[in-house]
Amino acid sequence: MKNCILIKTLLYLACACLIMFYLYVIYLGFKPQVSEQYRAYYIDHTISQWPD
């Protein structure tokens, strides 16, 4: 009986860690930390050629 409770607790802990990791990845996707050149070319599409 105690073994079952321990397994459930560990599974909930693993799920909570995965949820926190996924939320962090989503946050990084919305707030990328990239250079201005990268942002202008790939994200904003404000320049047509990659600056040399």
PDB file of N, CA and C in Angstrom:
ATOM      1  N   MET A   1       0.820  -1.191   0.000  1.00  0.00           N
ATOM      2  CA  MET A   1       0.000   0.000   0.000  1.00  0.00           C
ATOM      3  C   MET A   1       0.870   1.263   0.000  1.00  0.00           C
ATOM      4  N   LYS A   2       1.886   1.306   0.865  1.00  0.00           N
ATOM      5  CA  LYS A   2       2.760   2.472   0.921  1.00  0.00           C
ATOM      6  C   LYS A   2       3.571   2.606  -0.367  1.00  0.00           C
ATOM      7  N   ASN A   3       3.905   1.475  -0.982  1.00  0.00           N
ATOM      8  CA  ASN A   3       4.662   1.493  -2.223  1.00  0.00           C
ATOM      9  C   ASN A   3       3.846   2.166  -3.323  1.00  0.00           C
ATOM     10  N   CYS A   4       2.552   1.916  -3.351  1.00  0.00           N
ATOM     11  CA  CYS A   4       1.665   2.516  -4.348  1.00  0.00           C
ATOM     12  C   CYS A   4       1.592   4.030  -4.155  1.00  0.00           C
ATOM     13  N   ILE A   5       1.522   4.492  -2.939  1.00  0.00           N
ATOM     14  CA  ILE A   5       1.473   5.931  -2.646  1.00  0.00           C
ATOM     15  C   ILE A   5       2.784   6.594  -3.047  1.00  0.00           C
ATOM     16  N   LEU A   6       3.894   5.918  -2.802  1.00  0.00           N
ATOM     17  CA  LEU A   6       5.200   6.443  -3.174  1.00  0.00           C
ATOM     18  C   LEU A   6       5.319   6.567  -4.696  1.00  0.00           C
ATOM     19  N   ILE A   7       4.870   5.565  -5.409  1.00  0.00           N
ATOM     20  CA  ILE A   7       4.926   5.607  -6.871  1.00  0.00           C
ATOM     21  C   ILE A   7       4.060   6.731  -7.414  1.00  0.00           C
ATOM     22  N   LYS A   8       2.866   6.893  -6.879  1.00  0.00           N
ATOM     23  CA  LYS A   8       1.978   7.973  -7.321  1.00  0.00           C
ATOM     24  C   LYS A   8       2.601   9.336  -7.046  1.00  0.00           C
ATOM     25  N   THR A   9       3.221   9.488  -5.895  1.00  0.00           N
ATOM     26  CA  THR A   9       3.856  10.752  -5.541  1.00  0.00           C
ATOM     27  C   THR A   9       5.005  11.066  -6.498  1.00  0.00           C
ATOM     28  N   LEU A  10       5.800  10.061  -6.800  1.00  0.00           N
ATOM     29  CA  LEU A  10       6.910  10.264  -7.731  1.00  0.00           C
ATOM     30  C   LEU A  10       6.412  10.597  -9.135  1.00  0.00           C
ATOM     31  N   LEU A  11       5.331   9.971  -9.565  1.00  0.00           N
ATOM     32  CA  LEU A  11       4.763  10.280 -10.872  1.00  0.00           C
ATOM     33  C   LEU A  11       4.218  11.705 -10.920  1.00  0.00           C
ATOM     34  N   TYR A  12       3.542  12.137  -9.866  1.00  0.00           N
ATOM     35  CA  TYR A  12       3.047  13.511  -9.811  1.00  0.00           C
ATOM     36  C   TYR A  12       4.204  14.510  -9.815  1.00  0.00           C
ATOM     37  N   LEU A  13       5.269  14.185  -9.122  1.00  0.00           N
ATOM     38  CA  LEU A  13       6.449  15.047  -9.090  1.00  0.00           C
ATOM     39  C   LEU A  13       7.094  15.129 -10.472  1.00  0.00           C
ATOM     40  N   ALA A  14       7.193  14.002 -11.160  1.00  0.00           N
ATOM     41  CA  ALA A  14       7.752  14.001 -12.504  1.00  0.00           C
ATOM     42  C   ALA A  14       6.873  14.813 -13.459  1.00  0.00           C
ATOM     43  N   CYS A  15       5.572  14.679 -13.349  1.00  0.00           N
ATOM     44  CA  CYS A  15       4.651  15.457 -14.191  1.00  0.00           C
ATOM     45  C   CYS A  15       4.773  16.946 -13.894  1.00  0.00           C
ATOM     46  N   ALA A  16       4.900  17.300 -12.643  1.00  0.00           N
ATOM     47  CA  ALA A  16       5.045  18.713 -12.279  1.00  0.00           C
ATOM     48  C   ALA A  16       6.342  19.280 -12.847  1.00  0.00           C
ATOM     49  N   CYS A  17       7.412  18.498 -12.807  1.00  0.00           N
ATOM     50  CA  CYS A  17       8.681  18.957 -13.384  1.00  0.00           C
ATOM     51  C   CYS A  17       8.561  19.148 -14.883  1.00  0.00           C
ATOM     52  N   LEU A  18       7.892  18.234 -15.567  1.00  0.00           N
ATOM     53  CA  LEU A  18       7.697  18.374 -17.007  1.00  0.00           C
ATOM     54  C   LEU A  18       6.854  19.601 -17.348  1.00  0.00           C
ATOM     55  N   ILE A  19       5.828  19.835 -16.580  1.00  0.00           N
ATOM     56  CA  ILE A  19       4.980  21.009 -16.808  1.00  0.00           C
ATOM     57  C   ILE A  19       5.785  22.282 -16.629  1.00  0.00           C
ATOM     58  N   MET A  20       6.604  22.347 -15.588  1.00  0.00           N
ATOM     59  CA  MET A  20       7.434  23.532 -15.367  1.00  0.00           C
ATOM     60  C   MET A  20       8.423  23.727 -16.512  1.00  0.00           C
ATOM     61  N   PHE A  21       9.006  22.640 -16.997  1.00  0.00           N
ATOM     62  CA  PHE A  21       9.944  22.722 -18.109  1.00  0.00           C
ATOM     63  C   PHE A  21       9.242  23.232 -19.364  1.00  0.00           C
ATOM     64  N   TYR A  22       8.063  22.704 -19.668  1.00  0.00           N
ATOM     65  CA  TYR A  22       7.322  23.133 -20.854  1.00  0.00           C
ATOM     66  C   TYR A  22       6.908  24.598 -20.749  1.00  0.00           C
ATOM     67  N   LEU A  23       6.509  25.036 -19.582  1.00  0.00           N
ATOM     68  CA  LEU A  23       6.151  26.447 -19.396  1.00  0.00           C
ATOM     69  C   LEU A  23       7.362  27.346 -19.609  1.00  0.00           C
ATOM     70  N   TYR A  24       8.527  26.906 -19.157  1.00  0.00           N
ATOM     71  CA  TYR A  24       9.755  27.672 -19.358  1.00  0.00           C
ATOM     72  C   TYR A  24      10.102  27.756 -20.847  1.00  0.00           C
ATOM     73  N   VAL A  25       9.935  26.651 -21.576  1.00  0.00           N
ATOM     74  CA  VAL A  25      10.202  26.638 -23.015  1.00  0.00           C
ATOM     75  C   VAL A  25       9.232  27.571 -23.743  1.00  0.00           C
ATOM     76  N   ILE A  26       7.975  27.573 -23.352  1.00  0.00           N
ATOM     77  CA  ILE A  26       6.998  28.481 -23.955  1.00  0.00           C
ATOM     78  C   ILE A  26       7.383  29.928 -23.671  1.00  0.00           C
ATOM     79  N   TYR A  27       7.809  30.217 -22.450  1.00  0.00           N
ATOM     80  CA  TYR A  27       8.254  31.567 -22.110  1.00  0.00           C
ATOM     81  C   TYR A  27       9.428  31.988 -23.000  1.00  0.00           C
ATOM     82  N   LEU A  28      10.394  31.092 -23.194  1.00  0.00           N
ATOM     83  CA  LEU A  28      11.539  31.412 -24.046  1.00  0.00           C
ATOM     84  C   LEU A  28      11.105  31.645 -25.485  1.00  0.00           C
ATOM     85  N   GLY A  29      10.077  30.952 -25.930  1.00  0.00           N
ATOM     86  CA  GLY A  29       9.572  31.150 -27.275  1.00  0.00           C
ATOM     87  C   GLY A  29       8.930  32.512 -27.468  1.00  0.00           C
ATOM     88  N   PHE A  30       8.299  33.026 -26.436  1.00  0.00           N
ATOM     89  CA  PHE A  30       7.663  34.337 -26.532  1.00  0.00           C
ATOM     90  C   PHE A  30       8.636  35.483 -26.283  1.00  0.00           C
ATOM     91  N   LYS A  31       9.721  35.229 -25.590  1.00  0.00           N
ATOM     92  CA  LYS A  31      10.715  36.249 -25.266  1.00  0.00           C
ATOM     93  C   LYS A  31      12.110  35.798 -25.709  1.00  0.00           C
ATOM     94  N   PRO A  32      12.343  35.658 -27.031  1.00  0.00           N
ATOM     95  CA  PRO A  32      13.656  35.191 -27.470  1.00  0.00           C
ATOM     96  C   PRO A  32      14.737  36.239 -27.222  1.00  0.00           C
ATOM     97  N   GLN A  33      15.899  35.783 -26.843  1.00  0.00           N
ATOM     98  CA  GLN A  33      17.044  36.657 -26.606  1.00  0.00           C
ATOM     99  C   GLN A  33      18.019  36.478 -27.755  1.00  0.00           C
ATOM    100  N   VAL A  34      17.781  37.244 -28.824  1.00  0.00           N
ATOM    101  CA  VAL A  34      18.590  37.132 -30.034  1.00  0.00           C
ATOM    102  C   VAL A  34      19.113  38.509 -30.409  1.00  0.00           C
ATOM    103  N   SER A  35      20.080  38.523 -31.332  1.00  0.00           N
ATOM    104  CA  SER A  35      20.642  39.797 -31.771  1.00  0.00           C
ATOM    105  C   SER A  35      19.621  40.557 -32.621  1.00  0.00           C
ATOM    106  N   GLU A  36      19.876  41.849 -32.807  1.00  0.00           N
ATOM    107  CA  GLU A  36      18.967  42.684 -33.591  1.00  0.00           C
ATOM    108  C   GLU A  36      18.936  42.249 -35.053  1.00  0.00           C
ATOM    109  N   GLN A  37      20.064  41.798 -35.576  1.00  0.00           N
ATOM    110  CA  GLN A  37      20.109  41.337 -36.967  1.00  0.00           C
ATOM    111  C   GLN A  37      19.264  40.080 -37.143  1.00  0.00           C
ATOM    112  N   TYR A  38      19.392  39.148 -36.239  1.00  0.00           N
ATOM    113  CA  TYR A  38      18.607  37.911 -36.300  1.00  0.00           C
ATOM    114  C   TYR A  38      17.123  38.228 -36.204  1.00  0.00           C
ATOM    115  N   ARG A  39      16.772  39.094 -35.261  1.00  0.00           N
ATOM    116  CA  ARG A  39      15.367  39.465 -35.080  1.00  0.00           C
ATOM    117  C   ARG A  39      14.811  40.120 -36.339  1.00  0.00           C
ATOM    118  N   ALA A  40      15.566  41.023 -36.951  1.00  0.00           N
ATOM    119  CA  ALA A  40      15.081  41.737 -38.134  1.00  0.00           C
ATOM    120  C   ALA A  40      14.902  40.785 -39.311  1.00  0.00           C
ATOM    121  N   TYR A  41      15.789  39.820 -39.470  1.00  0.00           N
ATOM    122  CA  TYR A  41      15.719  38.937 -40.641  1.00  0.00           C
ATOM    123  C   TYR A  41      14.723  37.793 -40.445  1.00  0.00           C
ATOM    124  N   TYR A  42      14.794  37.087 -39.317  1.00  0.00           N
ATOM    125  CA  TYR A  42      14.000  35.877 -39.136  1.00  0.00           C
ATOM    126  C   TYR A  42      12.655  36.113 -38.442  1.00  0.00           C
ATOM    127  N   ILE A  43      12.577  37.026 -37.513  1.00  0.00           N
ATOM    128  CA  ILE A  43      11.354  37.185 -36.718  1.00  0.00           C
ATOM    129  C   ILE A  43      10.463  38.280 -37.293  1.00  0.00           C
ATOM    130  N   ASP A  44      11.024  39.475 -37.492  1.00  0.00           N
ATOM    131  CA  ASP A  44      10.221  40.605 -37.959  1.00  0.00           C
ATOM    132  C   ASP A  44      10.114  40.667 -39.482  1.00  0.00           C
ATOM    133  N   HIS A  45      11.049  40.054 -40.197  1.00  0.00           N
ATOM    134  CA  HIS A  45      11.101  40.096 -41.663  1.00  0.00           C
ATOM    135  C   HIS A  45      11.140  41.538 -42.178  1.00  0.00           C
ATOM    136  N   THR A  46      11.925  42.373 -41.546  1.00  0.00           N
ATOM    137  CA  THR A  46      12.024  43.771 -41.959  1.00  0.00           C
ATOM    138  C   THR A  46      13.178  44.015 -42.919  1.00  0.00           C
ATOM    139  N   ILE A  47      14.078  43.036 -43.086  1.00  0.00           N
ATOM    140  CA  ILE A  47      15.151  43.164 -44.067  1.00  0.00           C
ATOM    141  C   ILE A  47      15.086  41.946 -44.995  1.00  0.00           C
ATOM    142  N   SER A  48      15.494  42.140 -46.255  1.00  0.00           N
ATOM    143  CA  SER A  48      15.360  41.059 -47.226  1.00  0.00           C
ATOM    144  C   SER A  48      16.610  40.211 -47.357  1.00  0.00           C
ATOM    145  N   GLN A  49      17.763  40.725 -46.958  1.00  0.00           N
ATOM    146  CA  GLN A  49      19.004  39.953 -47.035  1.00  0.00           C
ATOM    147  C   GLN A  49      19.699  39.972 -45.679  1.00  0.00           C
ATOM    148  N   TRP A  50      20.384  38.874 -45.421  1.00  0.00           N
ATOM    149  CA  TRP A  50      21.145  38.798 -44.169  1.00  0.00           C
ATOM    150  C   TRP A  50      22.308  39.785 -44.249  1.00  0.00           C
ATOM    151  N   PRO A  51      22.457  40.657 -43.249  1.00  0.00           N
ATOM    152  CA  PRO A  51      23.545  41.618 -43.279  1.00  0.00           C
ATOM    153  C   PRO A  51      24.907  40.939 -43.118  1.00  0.00           C
ATOM    154  N   ASP A  52      25.858  41.391 -43.918  1.00  0.00           N
ATOM    155  CA  ASP A  52      27.209  40.823 -43.855  1.00  0.00           C
ATOM    156  C   ASP A  52      28.082  41.536 -42.875  1.00  0.00           C
TER     157      ASP A  52
END
